[in-house]
C-alpha atoms as a PDB file:
ATOM      1  CA  UNK A   1     -15.639 -25.067 -23.705  1.00  0.00           C
ATOM      2  CA  UNK A   2     -17.192 -22.314 -25.408  1.00  0.00           C
ATOM      3  CA  UNK A   3     -20.331 -22.934 -22.498  1.00  0.00           C
ATOM      4  CA  UNK A   4     -17.933 -22.824 -19.781  1.00  0.00           C
ATOM      5  CA  UNK A   5     -15.941 -19.917 -21.304  1.00  0.00           C
ATOM      6  CA  UNK A   6     -19.732 -17.897 -21.627  1.00  0.00           C
ATOM      7  CA  UNK A   7     -20.778 -18.756 -18.344  1.00  0.00           C
ATOM      8  CA  UNK A   8     -17.312 -17.467 -16.323  1.00  0.00           C
ATOM      9  CA  UNK A   9     -18.104 -14.412 -18.093  1.00  0.00           C
ATOM     10  CA  UNK A  10     -21.924 -13.990 -17.192  1.00  0.00           C
ATOM     11  CA  UNK A  11     -20.841 -14.313 -13.879  1.00  0.00           C
ATOM     12  CA  UNK A  12     -17.631 -11.222 -14.489  1.00  0.00           C
ATOM     13  CA  UNK A  13     -20.121  -9.274 -15.862  1.00  0.00           C
ATOM     14  CA  UNK A  14     -23.152  -9.860 -12.849  1.00  0.00           C
ATOM     15  CA  UNK A  15     -20.551  -9.683 -10.776  1.00  0.00           C
ATOM     16  CA  UNK A  16     -19.257  -6.463 -11.881  1.00  0.00           C
ATOM     17  CA  UNK A  17     -22.714  -4.905 -12.003  1.00  0.00           C
ATOM     18  CA  UNK A  18     -23.555  -6.025  -8.091  1.00  0.00           C
ATOM     19  CA  UNK A  19     -20.410  -4.592  -7.020  1.00  0.00           C
ATOM     20  CA  UNK A  20     -21.562  -1.154  -8.844  1.00  0.00           C
ATOM     21  CA  UNK A  21     -24.750  -1.488  -7.229  1.00  0.00           C
ATOM     22  CA  UNK A  22     -23.211  -2.057  -3.737  1.00  0.00           C
ATOM     23  CA  UNK A  23     -20.516   0.735  -4.117  1.00  0.00           C
ATOM     24  CA  UNK A  24     -23.393   3.002  -5.068  1.00  0.00           C
ATOM     25  CA  UNK A  25     -25.638   1.995  -1.973  1.00  0.00           C
ATOM     26  CA  UNK A  26     -22.795   2.567   0.655  1.00  0.00           C
ATOM     27  CA  UNK A  27     -21.948   6.289  -1.193  1.00  0.00           C
ATOM     28  CA  UNK A  28     -25.315   7.266  -0.712  1.00  0.00           C
ATOM     29  CA  UNK A  29     -25.368   5.907   3.014  1.00  0.00           C
ATOM     30  CA  UNK A  30     -21.773   7.903   3.454  1.00  0.00           C
ATOM     31  CA  UNK A  31     -19.949   4.489   3.995  1.00  0.00           C
ATOM     32  CA  UNK A  32     -16.884   3.730   3.125  1.00  0.00           C
ATOM     33  CA  UNK A  33     -15.896   0.768   0.172  1.00  0.00           C
ATOM     34  CA  UNK A  34     -13.800  -1.759   2.453  1.00  0.00           C
ATOM     35  CA  UNK A  35     -14.032  -5.499   3.490  1.00  0.00           C
ATOM     36  CA  UNK A  36     -16.089  -6.142   0.238  1.00  0.00           C
ATOM     37  CA  UNK A  37     -15.508  -9.938   0.782  1.00  0.00           C
ATOM     38  CA  UNK A  38     -16.890 -10.359   3.991  1.00  0.00           C
ATOM     39  CA  UNK A  39     -20.100 -10.704   2.845  1.00  0.00           C
ATOM     40  CA  UNK A  40     -21.928  -8.995  -0.608  1.00  0.00           C
ATOM     41  CA  UNK A  41     -19.081 -11.240  -2.565  1.00  0.00           C
ATOM     42  CA  UNK A  42     -20.863 -14.734  -0.711  1.00  0.00           C
ATOM     43  CA  UNK A  43     -24.183 -12.716  -1.281  1.00  0.00           C
ATOM     44  CA  UNK A  44     -23.811 -12.459  -4.903  1.00  0.00           C
ATOM     45  CA  UNK A  45     -22.378 -16.091  -5.145  1.00  0.00           C
ATOM     46  CA  UNK A  46     -25.676 -17.757  -3.768  1.00  0.00           C
ATOM     47  CA  UNK A  47     -27.986 -15.749  -5.696  1.00  0.00           C
ATOM     48  CA  UNK A  48     -26.254 -16.525  -8.846  1.00  0.00           C
ATOM     49  CA  UNK A  49     -26.185 -19.920  -8.145  1.00  0.00           C
ATOM     50  CA  UNK A  50     -30.102 -20.346  -7.288  1.00  0.00           C
ATOM     51  CA  UNK A  51     -30.909 -18.171 -10.725  1.00  0.00           C
ATOM     52  CA  UNK A  52     -31.907 -20.641 -13.642  1.00  0.00           C
ATOM     53  CA  UNK A  53     -29.986 -19.800 -16.543  1.00  0.00           C
ATOM     54  CA  UNK A  54     -32.983 -17.621 -18.265  1.00  0.00           C
ATOM     55  CA  UNK A  55     -32.990 -15.474 -14.901  1.00  0.00           C
ATOM     56  CA  UNK A  56     -28.704 -15.380 -15.607  1.00  0.00           C
ATOM     57  CA  UNK A  57     -29.360 -14.488 -19.643  1.00  0.00           C
ATOM     58  CA  UNK A  58     -31.873 -11.232 -18.121  1.00  0.00           C
ATOM     59  CA  UNK A  59     -29.859 -10.278 -15.456  1.00  0.00           C
ATOM     60  CA  UNK A  60     -26.710  -9.911 -17.338  1.00  0.00           C
ATOM     61  CA  UNK A  61     -27.866  -8.843 -21.016  1.00  0.00           C
ATOM     62  CA  UNK A  62     -25.920  -8.111 -23.080  1.00  0.00           C
ATOM     63  CA  UNK A  63     -23.157  -7.292 -20.911  1.00  0.00           C
ATOM     64  CA  UNK A  64     -20.637 -10.220 -22.110  1.00  0.00           C
ATOM     65  CA  UNK A  65     -20.434  -8.840 -25.830  1.00  0.00           C
ATOM     66  CA  UNK A  66     -19.756  -5.569 -23.772  1.00  0.00           C
ATOM     67  CA  UNK A  67     -16.960  -6.618 -21.734  1.00  0.00           C
ATOM     68  CA  UNK A  68     -15.490  -8.657 -24.612  1.00  0.00           C
ATOM     69  CA  UNK A  69     -15.811  -5.513 -26.307  1.00  0.00           C
ATOM     70  CA  UNK A  70     -14.245  -3.482 -24.204  1.00  0.00           C
ATOM     71  CA  UNK A  71     -11.494  -5.715 -23.708  1.00  0.00           C
ATOM     72  CA  UNK A  72     -10.811  -6.259 -27.155  1.00  0.00           C
ATOM     73  CA  UNK A  73     -10.825  -2.647 -27.855  1.00  0.00           C
ATOM     74  CA  UNK A  74      -8.866  -1.725 -24.897  1.00  0.00           C
ATOM     75  CA  UNK A  75      -5.821   0.114 -25.196  1.00  0.00           C
ATOM     76  CA  UNK A  76      -2.533   0.308 -23.042  1.00  0.00           C
ATOM     77  CA  UNK A  77      -2.004   4.061 -24.373  1.00  0.00           C
ATOM     78  CA  UNK A  78      -3.708   6.812 -23.142  1.00  0.00           C
ATOM     79  CA  UNK A  79      -7.074   7.611 -23.719  1.00  0.00           C
ATOM     80  CA  UNK A  80      -8.142  10.596 -25.419  1.00  0.00           C
ATOM     81  CA  UNK A  81     -11.278  11.240 -24.801  1.00  0.00           C
ATOM     82  CA  UNK A  82     -12.105  11.803 -21.295  1.00  0.00           C
ATOM     83  CA  UNK A  83     -15.626   9.821 -20.802  1.00  0.00           C
ATOM     84  CA  UNK A  84     -13.709   6.683 -22.813  1.00  0.00           C
ATOM     85  CA  UNK A  85     -11.248   6.719 -20.031  1.00  0.00           C
ATOM     86  CA  UNK A  86     -13.767   7.462 -17.318  1.00  0.00           C
ATOM     87  CA  UNK A  87     -15.729   4.117 -18.498  1.00  0.00           C
ATOM     88  CA  UNK A  88     -12.214   2.496 -18.756  1.00  0.00           C
ATOM     89  CA  UNK A  89     -11.390   2.929 -15.443  1.00  0.00           C
ATOM     90  CA  UNK A  90     -14.499   2.340 -13.650  1.00  0.00           C
ATOM     91  CA  UNK A  91     -14.817  -0.756 -15.379  1.00  0.00           C
ATOM     92  CA  UNK A  92     -11.684  -2.127 -15.099  1.00  0.00           C
ATOM     93  CA  UNK A  93     -11.358  -1.198 -11.118  1.00  0.00           C
ATOM     94  CA  UNK A  94     -14.896  -2.865 -10.679  1.00  0.00           C
ATOM     95  CA  UNK A  95     -12.754  -5.765 -11.884  1.00  0.00           C
ATOM     96  CA  UNK A  96     -10.006  -5.371  -9.955  1.00  0.00           C
ATOM     97  CA  UNK A  97     -12.136  -4.734  -7.149  1.00  0.00           C
ATOM     98  CA  UNK A  98     -13.726  -8.213  -7.754  1.00  0.00           C
ATOM     99  CA  UNK A  99     -10.186 -10.069  -7.896  1.00  0.00           C
ATOM    100  CA  UNK A 100      -8.462  -7.767  -4.848  1.00  0.00           C
ATOM    101  CA  UNK A 101     -11.818  -9.122  -2.808  1.00  0.00           C
ATOM    102  CA  UNK A 102     -11.730 -12.718  -3.822  1.00  0.00           C
ATOM    103  CA  UNK A 103      -7.944 -13.388  -3.364  1.00  0.00           C
ATOM    104  CA  UNK A 104      -8.424 -11.445   0.256  1.00  0.00           C
ATOM    105  CA  UNK A 105     -11.163 -14.144   0.841  1.00  0.00           C
ATOM    106  CA  UNK A 106      -9.000 -17.060  -0.260  1.00  0.00           C
ATOM    107  CA  UNK A 107      -5.886 -15.871   1.355  1.00  0.00           C
ATOM    108  CA  UNK A 108      -6.622 -13.260   3.755  1.00  0.00           C
ATOM    109  CA  UNK A 109      -4.114 -11.085   2.255  1.00  0.00           C
ATOM    110  CA  UNK A 110      -4.725  -7.639   2.856  1.00  0.00           C
ATOM    111  CA  UNK A 111      -4.938  -4.847   0.017  1.00  0.00           C
ATOM    112  CA  UNK A 112      -4.641  -1.430  -0.455  1.00  0.00           C
ATOM    113  CA  UNK A 113      -5.155   0.277  -3.595  1.00  0.00           C
ATOM    114  CA  UNK A 114      -5.882   3.524  -4.642  1.00  0.00           C
ATOM    115  CA  UNK A 115      -6.155   5.312  -8.481  1.00  0.00           C
ATOM    116  CA  UNK A 116      -6.734   8.718  -9.094  1.00  0.00           C
ATOM    117  CA  UNK A 117      -6.502  11.539 -12.170  1.00  0.00           C
ATOM    118  CA  UNK A 118      -3.002  12.895 -13.409  1.00  0.00           C
ATOM    119  CA  UNK A 119      -5.521  15.413 -15.773  1.00  0.00           C
ATOM    120  CA  UNK A 120      -7.389  17.890 -14.479  1.00  0.00           C
ATOM    121  CA  UNK A 121     -10.061  17.142 -17.568  1.00  0.00           C
ATOM    122  CA  UNK A 122     -10.402  13.586 -16.330  1.00  0.00           C
ATOM    123  CA  UNK A 123     -13.810  12.590 -14.231  1.00  0.00           C
ATOM    124  CA  UNK A 124     -12.940   9.477 -12.339  1.00  0.00           C
ATOM    125  CA  UNK A 125     -13.164  10.522  -8.344  1.00  0.00           C
ATOM    126  CA  UNK A 126     -10.274   9.166  -6.742  1.00  0.00           C
ATOM    127  CA  UNK A 127     -10.619   5.152  -6.287  1.00  0.00           C
ATOM    128  CA  UNK A 128      -9.949   3.451  -2.698  1.00  0.00           C
ATOM    129  CA  UNK A 129      -9.900   0.273  -1.680  1.00  0.00           C
ATOM    130  CA  UNK A 130      -8.585  -2.018   1.570  1.00  0.00           C
ATOM    131  CA  UNK A 131      -9.365  -4.844   3.263  1.00  0.00           C
ATOM    132  CA  UNK A 132      -8.757  -3.920   6.829  1.00  0.00           C
ATOM    133  CA  UNK A 133      -9.500  -1.339   9.269  1.00  0.00           C
ATOM    134  CA  UNK A 134      -5.691  -1.853  10.157  1.00  0.00           C
ATOM    135  CA  UNK A 135      -5.107  -0.002   6.949  1.00  0.00           C
ATOM    136  CA  UNK A 136      -6.708   2.885   7.369  1.00  0.00           C
ATOM    137  CA  UNK A 137      -5.603   3.325  11.001  1.00  0.00           C
ATOM    138  CA  UNK A 138      -2.175   3.444   9.922  1.00  0.00           C
ATOM    139  CA  UNK A 139      -2.443   5.809   6.820  1.00  0.00           C
ATOM    140  CA  UNK A 140      -4.059   7.776   9.901  1.00  0.00           C
ATOM    141  CA  UNK A 141      -1.326   7.155  12.512  1.00  0.00           C
ATOM    142  CA  UNK A 142       1.212   7.974   9.842  1.00  0.00           C
ATOM    143  CA  UNK A 143       0.011  11.170   7.687  1.00  0.00           C
ATOM    144  CA  UNK A 144      -2.789  12.532  10.678  1.00  0.00           C
ATOM    145  CA  UNK A 145      -5.017  12.092   7.906  1.00  0.00           C
ATOM    146  CA  UNK A 146      -7.843   9.846   7.014  1.00  0.00           C
ATOM    147  CA  UNK A 147      -7.379   7.206   3.838  1.00  0.00           C
ATOM    148  CA  UNK A 148      -9.922   9.353   1.828  1.00  0.00           C
ATOM    149  CA  UNK A 149      -8.397  12.778   2.615  1.00  0.00           C
ATOM    150  CA  UNK A 150      -5.169  11.355   1.642  1.00  0.00           C
ATOM    151  CA  UNK A 151      -6.297   9.960  -1.661  1.00  0.00           C
ATOM    152  CA  UNK A 152      -7.457  13.638  -2.468  1.00  0.00           C
ATOM    153  CA  UNK A 153      -4.047  14.551  -1.133  1.00  0.00           C
ATOM    154  CA  UNK A 154      -2.372  12.222  -3.507  1.00  0.00           C
ATOM    155  CA  UNK A 155      -4.634  13.606  -6.437  1.00  0.00           C
ATOM    156  CA  UNK A 156      -4.444  17.163  -5.825  1.00  0.00           C
ATOM    157  CA  UNK A 157      -0.613  16.597  -5.526  1.00  0.00           C
ATOM    158  CA  UNK A 158      -0.562  14.295  -9.388  1.00  0.00           C
ATOM    159  CA  UNK A 159      -3.017  16.937 -10.483  1.00  0.00           C
ATOM    160  CA  UNK A 160      -0.302  19.904  -9.313  1.00  0.00           C
ATOM    161  CA  UNK A 161       2.249  19.443 -12.191  1.00  0.00           C
ATOM    162  CA  UNK A 162       4.843  19.154  -9.796  1.00  0.00           C
ATOM    163  CA  UNK A 163       8.437  17.860 -10.770  1.00  0.00           C
ATOM    164  CA  UNK A 164       8.033  14.179  -9.988  1.00  0.00           C
ATOM    165  CA  UNK A 165      11.954  13.703 -10.537  1.00  0.00           C
ATOM    166  CA  UNK A 166      13.922  14.134  -7.137  1.00  0.00           C
ATOM    167  CA  UNK A 167      16.338  16.450  -6.529  1.00  0.00           C
ATOM    168  CA  UNK A 168      19.577  15.426  -5.357  1.00  0.00           C
ATOM    169  CA  UNK A 169      18.401  17.465  -1.887  1.00  0.00           C
ATOM    170  CA  UNK A 170      15.230  15.133  -1.640  1.00  0.00           C
ATOM    171  CA  UNK A 171      17.400  12.184  -2.483  1.00  0.00           C
ATOM    172  CA  UNK A 172      19.260  13.127   0.366  1.00  0.00           C
ATOM    173  CA  UNK A 173      16.485  13.588   2.680  1.00  0.00           C
ATOM    174  CA  UNK A 174      14.895  10.698   1.379  1.00  0.00           C
ATOM    175  CA  UNK A 175      17.930   8.453   2.766  1.00  0.00           C
ATOM    176  CA  UNK A 176      18.556  10.590   6.207  1.00  0.00           C
ATOM    177  CA  UNK A 177      15.331   9.445   7.093  1.00  0.00           C
ATOM    178  CA  UNK A 178      15.539   5.758   5.896  1.00  0.00           C
ATOM    179  CA  UNK A 179      18.740   5.800   7.889  1.00  0.00           C
ATOM    180  CA  UNK A 180      16.758   7.164  11.116  1.00  0.00           C
ATOM    181  CA  UNK A 181      14.394   4.317  10.537  1.00  0.00           C
ATOM    182  CA  UNK A 182      16.596   1.976  10.064  1.00  0.00           C
ATOM    183  CA  UNK A 183      19.215   3.242  13.093  1.00  0.00           C
ATOM    184  CA  UNK A 184      16.053   3.459  16.176  1.00  0.00           C
ATOM    185  CA  UNK A 185      16.897   2.853  19.259  1.00  0.00           C
ATOM    186  CA  UNK A 186      18.057  -0.695  19.364  1.00  0.00           C
ATOM    187  CA  UNK A 187      15.289  -2.186  20.872  1.00  0.00           C
ATOM    188  CA  UNK A 188      15.321  -5.908  19.206  1.00  0.00           C
ATOM    189  CA  UNK A 189      19.196  -5.901  20.805  1.00  0.00           C
ATOM    190  CA  UNK A 190      18.097  -5.082  24.305  1.00  0.00           C
ATOM    191  CA  UNK A 191      15.599  -8.190  24.198  1.00  0.00           C
ATOM    192  CA  UNK A 192      15.266  -9.045  28.387  1.00  0.00           C
ATOM    193  CA  UNK A 193      16.873  -6.282  29.066  1.00  0.00           C
ATOM    194  CA  UNK A 194      15.641  -2.737  30.306  1.00  0.00           C
ATOM    195  CA  UNK A 195      14.880  -1.012  26.641  1.00  0.00           C
ATOM    196  CA  UNK A 196      15.971   2.250  25.759  1.00  0.00           C
ATOM    197  CA  UNK A 197      13.571   4.788  24.942  1.00  0.00           C
ATOM    198  CA  UNK A 198      15.868   6.954  22.374  1.00  0.00           C
ATOM    199  CA  UNK A 199      18.775   6.766  20.894  1.00  0.00           C
ATOM    200  CA  UNK A 200      22.211   8.289  21.817  1.00  0.00           C
ATOM    201  CA  UNK A 201      24.796   9.046  19.259  1.00  0.00           C
ATOM    202  CA  UNK A 202      27.254  11.262  21.460  1.00  0.00           C
ATOM    203  CA  UNK A 203      28.863   9.513  24.136  1.00  0.00           C
ATOM    204  CA  UNK A 204      27.391   5.986  23.167  1.00  0.00           C
ATOM    205  CA  UNK A 205      29.014   4.000  25.789  1.00  0.00           C
ATOM    206  CA  UNK A 206      27.633   5.669  28.245  1.00  0.00           C
ATOM    207  CA  UNK A 207      24.474   6.078  27.431  1.00  0.00           C
ATOM    208  CA  UNK A 208      23.832   2.712  25.344  1.00  0.00           C
ATOM    209  CA  UNK A 209      26.099   0.393  26.732  1.00  0.00           C
ATOM    210  CA  UNK A 210      26.822   0.959  30.181  1.00  0.00           C
ATOM    211  CA  UNK A 211      23.330   0.893  30.834  1.00  0.00           C
ATOM    212  CA  UNK A 212      21.475  -1.368  28.138  1.00  0.00           C
ATOM    213  CA  UNK A 213      24.570  -3.870  27.094  1.00  0.00           C
ATOM    214  CA  UNK A 214      24.655  -3.476  23.222  1.00  0.00           C
ATOM    215  CA  UNK A 215      27.826  -2.139  21.035  1.00  0.00           C
ATOM    216  CA  UNK A 216      27.540  -1.617  17.894  1.00  0.00           C
ATOM    217  CA  UNK A 217      29.206  -3.911  14.827  1.00  0.00           C
ATOM    218  CA  UNK A 218      31.399  -2.661  12.321  1.00  0.00           C
ATOM    219  CA  UNK A 219      30.395   0.844  12.001  1.00  0.00           C
ATOM    220  CA  UNK A 220      32.200   1.853   8.934  1.00  0.00           C
ATOM    221  CA  UNK A 221      32.806   5.228   8.613  1.00  0.00           C
ATOM    222  CA  UNK A 222      35.248   7.031  11.375  1.00  0.00           C
ATOM    223  CA  UNK A 223      32.874   9.039  13.455  1.00  0.00           C
ATOM    224  CA  UNK A 224      29.800   7.654  15.110  1.00  0.00           C
ATOM    225  CA  UNK A 225      27.549   9.917  14.515  1.00  0.00           C
ATOM    226  CA  UNK A 226      23.750  10.585  13.373  1.00  0.00           C
ATOM    227  CA  UNK A 227      22.623  10.621  10.103  1.00  0.00           C
ATOM    228  CA  UNK A 228      21.975  14.013   9.922  1.00  0.00           C
ATOM    229  CA  UNK A 229      25.345  15.235  10.538  1.00  0.00           C
ATOM    230  CA  UNK A 230      26.633  13.501   7.504  1.00  0.00           C
ATOM    231  CA  UNK A 231      26.813  15.738   4.447  1.00  0.00           C
ATOM    232  CA  UNK A 232      28.565  13.280   1.989  1.00  0.00           C
ATOM    233  CA  UNK A 233      25.424  11.728   0.033  1.00  0.00           C
ATOM    234  CA  UNK A 234      28.019   8.651  -1.273  1.00  0.00           C
ATOM    235  CA  UNK A 235      29.046   8.327   2.677  1.00  0.00           C
ATOM    236  CA  UNK A 236      25.212   8.090   3.647  1.00  0.00           C
ATOM    237  CA  UNK A 237      24.682   5.622   0.564  1.00  0.00           C
ATOM    238  CA  UNK A 238      27.523   3.586   2.151  1.00  0.00           C
ATOM    239  CA  UNK A 239      26.426   3.515   5.538  1.00  0.00           C
ATOM    240  CA  UNK A 240      22.798   2.547   4.455  1.00  0.00           C
ATOM    241  CA  UNK A 241      23.865  -0.089   2.349  1.00  0.00           C
ATOM    242  CA  UNK A 242      25.872  -1.800   5.535  1.00  0.00           C
ATOM    243  CA  UNK A 243      23.457  -1.124   7.787  1.00  0.00           C
ATOM    244  CA  UNK A 244      20.961  -2.478   5.713  1.00  0.00           C
ATOM    245  CA  UNK A 245      22.841  -5.571   4.739  1.00  0.00           C
ATOM    246  CA  UNK A 246      23.497  -6.540   8.458  1.00  0.00           C
ATOM    247  CA  UNK A 247      27.057  -6.031   7.946  1.00  0.00           C
ATOM    248  CA  UNK A 248      26.841  -3.087  10.770  1.00  0.00           C
ATOM    249  CA  UNK A 249      24.222  -3.775  13.164  1.00  0.00           C
ATOM    250  CA  UNK A 250      23.699  -3.914  16.928  1.00  0.00           C
ATOM    251  CA  UNK A 251      24.949  -6.893  19.377  1.00  0.00           C
ATOM    252  CA  UNK A 252      23.900  -7.355  23.166  1.00  0.00           C
ATOM    253  CA  UNK A 253      26.453  -8.513  25.092  1.00  0.00           C
ATOM    254  CA  UNK A 254      26.107 -11.247  26.987  1.00  0.00           C
ATOM    255  CA  UNK A 255      26.250 -11.110  31.123  1.00  0.00           C
ATOM    256  CA  UNK A 256      29.681 -12.123  31.575  1.00  0.00           C
ATOM    257  CA  UNK A 257      30.637  -9.475  28.286  1.00  0.00           C
ATOM    258  CA  UNK A 258      28.739  -6.780  30.008  1.00  0.00           C
ATOM    259  CA  UNK A 259      30.693  -7.102  33.738  1.00  0.00           C
ATOM    260  CA  UNK A 260      33.753  -7.447  32.020  1.00  0.00           C
ATOM    261  CA  UNK A 261      33.226  -4.622  29.910  1.00  0.00           C
END
């Protein structure tokens, strides 16, 4: 009923305020925003449950009505006034952070969320939220940048006005990269045997089949060659699609087949 709706709204406002306070403390201490569901949310919930209604009313103040008004007036379109956009983004991200933290706490699903400006006159600093140190470690491993450096780089690129429409050349390079990731050394096919340290395209049979008992099935083009040697986007697209679908794949010969080979 209306009472339950009021209490839920009060809880949302209270959590939003407490999370803002928590994040500010973390920033002042030079700490990163992470694993917020592992402690603060539970502590906030305990304090809330222990509060009598009059203390809840005092803690929330006019926040419920402000939240309702903000939700009512919020539009999906671009904000014209920078300060309005700043407040909208801050409030929305705070709400999302609560939802993401609760989701992580309930399900152990890990989450990475980033938000950054698209216009130079916007006020918001890059927003970063993640629930596992593995996420930050992955970004560092793949980009050689901390997750905060990566977000700052994304924001800089976003503000640079660089052309975001992929050219034919960038499409081709992207597809080549995807192919190289798909056609890595056939580790899975070599299960139970020595594992190749790299992929050989030239003299595949002597390097891969003879040594590891691995063959390739249903290669769709005439020559077996590295994706980087294919200069036709349609041909590369065909190769990518059949490989991704599993129609083309590595297969491990059993001992009898390998000996017969």
